Amino acid sequence: MAKKQVFLVTFLDDATRFVLHGAFYPTLDQTIVEDCFRNVIQKWGAPEAVYFDNGKQYRTKWMARTCSKLGIRLLYARPYSPEATGYGELIVM
């Protein structure tokens, strides 16, 4: 049986490390990230800031517009710096 690649999308509270959202998906694209972000905001409210990996699925016009409208600071990790997103990696281990 061939192995399938899956992607874990997580949203963590930086102060408490509480997992606001965590689920596996067969692909990782803009639509999935947007849906997860909507769900987090609907359940927990809008955060002061969000910090994303530098992937193209996070750097979208929709994300910039949504964060701007809701007054959320939108921050991105520096390219090629995996240590910048280490918290997310810790929950996988």
N, C-alpha and C. Protein backbone atom coordinates (compact mmCIF):
# COMPACT_ATOMS: atom_id res chain seq x y z
N MET A 1 0.84 -1.18 0.00
CA MET A 1 0.00 0.00 0.00
C MET A 1 0.89 1.25 0.00
N ALA A 2 0.62 2.15 -0.90
CA ALA A 2 1.41 3.38 -1.01
C ALA A 2 1.08 4.33 0.13
N LYS A 3 2.11 5.00 0.61
CA LYS A 3 1.91 5.98 1.68
C LYS A 3 1.35 7.27 1.08
N LYS A 4 0.39 7.85 1.79
CA LYS A 4 -0.18 9.12 1.37
C LYS A 4 0.44 10.23 2.21
N GLN A 5 0.69 11.35 1.57
CA GLN A 5 1.18 12.51 2.29
C GLN A 5 -0.02 13.28 2.81
N VAL A 6 0.03 13.67 4.08
CA VAL A 6 -1.01 14.50 4.67
C VAL A 6 -0.35 15.72 5.31
N PHE A 7 -1.14 16.74 5.52
CA PHE A 7 -0.64 18.00 6.07
C PHE A 7 -1.40 18.34 7.34
N LEU A 8 -0.67 18.74 8.37
CA LEU A 8 -1.28 19.15 9.62
C LEU A 8 -1.34 20.67 9.65
N VAL A 9 -2.53 21.21 9.81
CA VAL A 9 -2.72 22.65 9.93
C VAL A 9 -3.05 22.93 11.39
N THR A 10 -2.25 23.79 12.02
CA THR A 10 -2.48 24.12 13.43
C THR A 10 -2.49 25.63 13.61
N PHE A 11 -3.28 26.05 14.57
CA PHE A 11 -3.26 27.42 15.05
C PHE A 11 -3.04 27.32 16.55
N LEU A 12 -1.97 27.95 17.03
CA LEU A 12 -1.59 27.89 18.45
C LEU A 12 -1.66 29.27 19.07
N ASP A 13 -2.02 29.31 20.35
CA ASP A 13 -1.91 30.53 21.13
C ASP A 13 -0.45 30.63 21.56
N ASP A 14 0.22 31.71 21.21
CA ASP A 14 1.65 31.84 21.49
C ASP A 14 1.95 31.89 22.98
N ALA A 15 1.10 32.51 23.77
CA ALA A 15 1.36 32.66 25.20
C ALA A 15 1.16 31.36 25.96
N THR A 16 0.12 30.61 25.62
CA THR A 16 -0.22 29.41 26.40
C THR A 16 0.14 28.11 25.69
N ARG A 17 0.42 28.17 24.40
CA ARG A 17 0.67 26.99 23.55
C ARG A 17 -0.59 26.14 23.38
N PHE A 18 -1.74 26.69 23.72
CA PHE A 18 -3.01 26.01 23.55
C PHE A 18 -3.30 25.86 22.06
N VAL A 19 -3.72 24.67 21.66
CA VAL A 19 -4.04 24.42 20.25
C VAL A 19 -5.47 24.89 19.97
N LEU A 20 -5.60 25.95 19.21
CA LEU A 20 -6.91 26.49 18.84
C LEU A 20 -7.54 25.68 17.72
N HIS A 21 -6.70 25.13 16.87
CA HIS A 21 -7.18 24.30 15.76
C HIS A 21 -6.05 23.37 15.36
N GLY A 22 -6.39 22.14 15.10
CA GLY A 22 -5.42 21.18 14.60
C GLY A 22 -6.15 20.08 13.86
N ALA A 23 -5.82 19.90 12.59
CA ALA A 23 -6.47 18.87 11.78
C ALA A 23 -5.57 18.50 10.62
N PHE A 24 -5.73 17.26 10.15
CA PHE A 24 -4.98 16.77 9.00
C PHE A 24 -5.80 16.96 7.73
N TYR A 25 -5.10 17.29 6.65
CA TYR A 25 -5.73 17.51 5.36
C TYR A 25 -4.93 16.81 4.27
N PRO A 26 -5.59 16.37 3.19
CA PRO A 26 -4.88 15.67 2.11
C PRO A 26 -4.02 16.61 1.26
N THR A 27 -4.34 17.90 1.28
CA THR A 27 -3.55 18.90 0.56
C THR A 27 -3.41 20.11 1.46
N LEU A 28 -2.52 21.00 1.09
CA LEU A 28 -2.36 22.24 1.84
C LEU A 28 -2.41 23.38 0.84
N ASP A 29 -3.58 23.98 0.74
CA ASP A 29 -3.72 25.09 -0.20
C ASP A 29 -4.41 26.26 0.48
N GLN A 30 -4.55 27.33 -0.25
CA GLN A 30 -5.11 28.57 0.27
C GLN A 30 -6.51 28.36 0.84
N THR A 31 -7.34 27.59 0.18
CA THR A 31 -8.72 27.37 0.62
C THR A 31 -8.78 26.72 1.99
N ILE A 32 -7.93 25.74 2.22
CA ILE A 32 -7.91 25.05 3.51
C ILE A 32 -7.45 26.00 4.61
N VAL A 33 -6.39 26.76 4.36
CA VAL A 33 -5.89 27.71 5.35
C VAL A 33 -6.96 28.75 5.68
N GLU A 34 -7.62 29.27 4.67
CA GLU A 34 -8.67 30.27 4.89
C GLU A 34 -9.81 29.69 5.73
N ASP A 35 -10.24 28.48 5.42
CA ASP A 35 -11.32 27.84 6.16
C ASP A 35 -10.93 27.62 7.62
N CYS A 36 -9.72 27.15 7.85
CA CYS A 36 -9.23 26.95 9.22
C CYS A 36 -9.19 28.27 9.98
N PHE A 37 -8.70 29.31 9.33
CA PHE A 37 -8.59 30.62 9.96
C PHE A 37 -9.98 31.16 10.32
N ARG A 38 -10.94 31.00 9.41
CA ARG A 38 -12.33 31.40 9.69
C ARG A 38 -12.87 30.66 10.92
N ASN A 39 -12.64 29.36 10.96
CA ASN A 39 -13.13 28.55 12.08
C ASN A 39 -12.54 29.00 13.41
N VAL A 40 -11.26 29.30 13.41
CA VAL A 40 -10.60 29.77 14.64
C VAL A 40 -11.22 31.09 15.10
N ILE A 41 -11.41 32.01 14.17
CA ILE A 41 -11.98 33.31 14.53
C ILE A 41 -13.42 33.16 15.02
N GLN A 42 -14.20 32.31 14.37
CA GLN A 42 -15.59 32.11 14.80
C GLN A 42 -15.66 31.49 16.19
N LYS A 43 -14.77 30.58 16.49
CA LYS A 43 -14.82 29.89 17.78
C LYS A 43 -14.16 30.69 18.90
N TRP A 44 -13.01 31.32 18.62
CA TRP A 44 -12.21 31.94 19.67
C TRP A 44 -12.15 33.46 19.58
N GLY A 45 -12.64 34.04 18.49
CA GLY A 45 -12.54 35.48 18.31
C GLY A 45 -11.27 35.85 17.57
N ALA A 46 -11.19 37.09 17.15
CA ALA A 46 -10.03 37.56 16.39
C ALA A 46 -8.84 37.78 17.32
N PRO A 47 -7.69 37.28 16.95
CA PRO A 47 -6.49 37.50 17.77
C PRO A 47 -5.91 38.89 17.51
N GLU A 48 -4.98 39.31 18.36
CA GLU A 48 -4.29 40.59 18.14
C GLU A 48 -3.37 40.49 16.94
N ALA A 49 -2.73 39.32 16.79
CA ALA A 49 -1.77 39.12 15.70
C ALA A 49 -1.74 37.65 15.31
N VAL A 50 -1.32 37.39 14.08
CA VAL A 50 -1.08 36.02 13.62
C VAL A 50 0.31 35.97 13.00
N TYR A 51 0.95 34.83 13.19
CA TYR A 51 2.32 34.62 12.71
C TYR A 51 2.32 33.35 11.88
N PHE A 52 2.56 33.52 10.59
CA PHE A 52 2.49 32.40 9.67
C PHE A 52 3.85 32.04 9.11
N ASP A 53 3.95 30.80 8.68
CA ASP A 53 5.05 30.33 7.87
C ASP A 53 5.06 31.19 6.61
N ASN A 54 6.10 31.15 5.85
CA ASN A 54 6.22 31.99 4.67
C ASN A 54 5.66 31.34 3.40
N GLY A 55 4.90 30.26 3.55
CA GLY A 55 4.35 29.55 2.39
C GLY A 55 3.34 30.37 1.61
N LYS A 56 3.23 30.05 0.32
CA LYS A 56 2.32 30.82 -0.56
C LYS A 56 0.86 30.68 -0.14
N GLN A 57 0.49 29.58 0.53
CA GLN A 57 -0.90 29.40 0.95
C GLN A 57 -1.28 30.36 2.09
N TYR A 58 -0.28 30.97 2.73
CA TYR A 58 -0.53 31.95 3.80
C TYR A 58 -0.39 33.39 3.30
N ARG A 59 0.44 33.60 2.31
CA ARG A 59 0.69 34.95 1.78
C ARG A 59 -0.30 35.23 0.65
N THR A 60 -1.53 35.52 1.04
CA THR A 60 -2.58 35.74 0.04
C THR A 60 -3.24 37.09 0.23
N LYS A 61 -3.85 37.57 -0.82
CA LYS A 61 -4.60 38.83 -0.72
C LYS A 61 -5.75 38.68 0.26
N TRP A 62 -6.40 37.51 0.25
CA TRP A 62 -7.52 37.28 1.16
C TRP A 62 -7.07 37.42 2.61
N MET A 63 -5.92 36.82 2.95
CA MET A 63 -5.43 36.87 4.32
C MET A 63 -5.08 38.30 4.72
N ALA A 64 -4.42 39.03 3.83
CA ALA A 64 -4.06 40.43 4.11
C ALA A 64 -5.32 41.28 4.31
N ARG A 65 -6.30 41.10 3.45
CA ARG A 65 -7.54 41.86 3.52
C ARG A 65 -8.32 41.53 4.80
N THR A 66 -8.43 40.24 5.11
CA THR A 66 -9.18 39.81 6.29
C THR A 66 -8.54 40.34 7.56
N CYS A 67 -7.23 40.20 7.67
CA CYS A 67 -6.54 40.69 8.86
C CYS A 67 -6.66 42.20 8.99
N SER A 68 -6.55 42.90 7.88
CA SER A 68 -6.69 44.35 7.90
C SER A 68 -8.08 44.77 8.39
N LYS A 69 -9.11 44.13 7.85
CA LYS A 69 -10.49 44.47 8.24
C LYS A 69 -10.77 44.19 9.71
N LEU A 70 -10.14 43.13 10.25
CA LEU A 70 -10.38 42.75 11.64
C LEU A 70 -9.38 43.35 12.62
N GLY A 71 -8.45 44.13 12.12
CA GLY A 71 -7.45 44.77 12.98
C GLY A 71 -6.42 43.79 13.54
N ILE A 72 -6.12 42.75 12.78
CA ILE A 72 -5.16 41.73 13.20
C ILE A 72 -3.81 42.03 12.55
N ARG A 73 -2.74 42.08 13.37
CA ARG A 73 -1.40 42.25 12.81
C ARG A 73 -1.00 40.95 12.12
N LEU A 74 -0.57 41.06 10.89
CA LEU A 74 -0.21 39.90 10.08
C LEU A 74 1.31 39.84 9.95
N LEU A 75 1.90 38.78 10.51
CA LEU A 75 3.35 38.62 10.52
C LEU A 75 3.73 37.31 9.85
N TYR A 76 4.88 37.31 9.19
CA TYR A 76 5.37 36.10 8.52
C TYR A 76 6.78 35.77 8.98
N ALA A 77 7.06 34.48 9.04
CA ALA A 77 8.41 34.02 9.36
C ALA A 77 9.35 34.39 8.22
N ARG A 78 10.61 34.58 8.56
CA ARG A 78 11.60 34.84 7.51
C ARG A 78 11.74 33.59 6.65
N PRO A 79 11.94 33.77 5.35
CA PRO A 79 12.13 32.60 4.48
C PRO A 79 13.32 31.76 4.92
N TYR A 80 13.18 30.47 4.79
CA TYR A 80 14.23 29.50 5.10
C TYR A 80 14.73 29.60 6.53
N SER A 81 13.81 29.83 7.48
CA SER A 81 14.19 29.86 8.89
C SER A 81 13.22 28.97 9.67
N PRO A 82 13.41 27.65 9.62
CA PRO A 82 12.48 26.74 10.29
C PRO A 82 12.41 26.94 11.80
N GLU A 83 13.47 27.50 12.39
CA GLU A 83 13.44 27.75 13.83
C GLU A 83 12.39 28.80 14.20
N ALA A 84 11.98 29.61 13.24
CA ALA A 84 10.98 30.65 13.50
C ALA A 84 9.59 30.08 13.74
N THR A 85 9.35 28.86 13.30
CA THR A 85 8.03 28.24 13.48
C THR A 85 8.13 26.97 14.31
N GLY A 86 9.05 26.96 15.23
CA GLY A 86 9.33 25.77 16.04
C GLY A 86 8.20 25.30 16.93
N TYR A 87 7.36 26.21 17.42
CA TYR A 87 6.25 25.80 18.29
C TYR A 87 5.34 24.81 17.58
N GLY A 88 5.03 25.09 16.36
CA GLY A 88 4.17 24.19 15.59
C GLY A 88 4.80 22.83 15.40
N GLU A 89 6.11 22.81 15.24
CA GLU A 89 6.81 21.53 15.08
C GLU A 89 6.79 20.72 16.37
N LEU A 90 6.82 21.38 17.51
CA LEU A 90 6.84 20.68 18.79
C LEU A 90 5.60 19.85 19.03
N ILE A 91 4.44 20.33 18.61
CA ILE A 91 3.22 19.57 18.90
C ILE A 91 3.10 18.32 18.05
N VAL A 92 3.88 18.24 16.99
CA VAL A 92 3.84 17.06 16.12
C VAL A 92 4.64 15.92 16.72
N MET A 93 5.66 16.24 17.47
CA MET A 93 6.55 15.21 18.02
C MET A 93 5.90 14.33 19.04
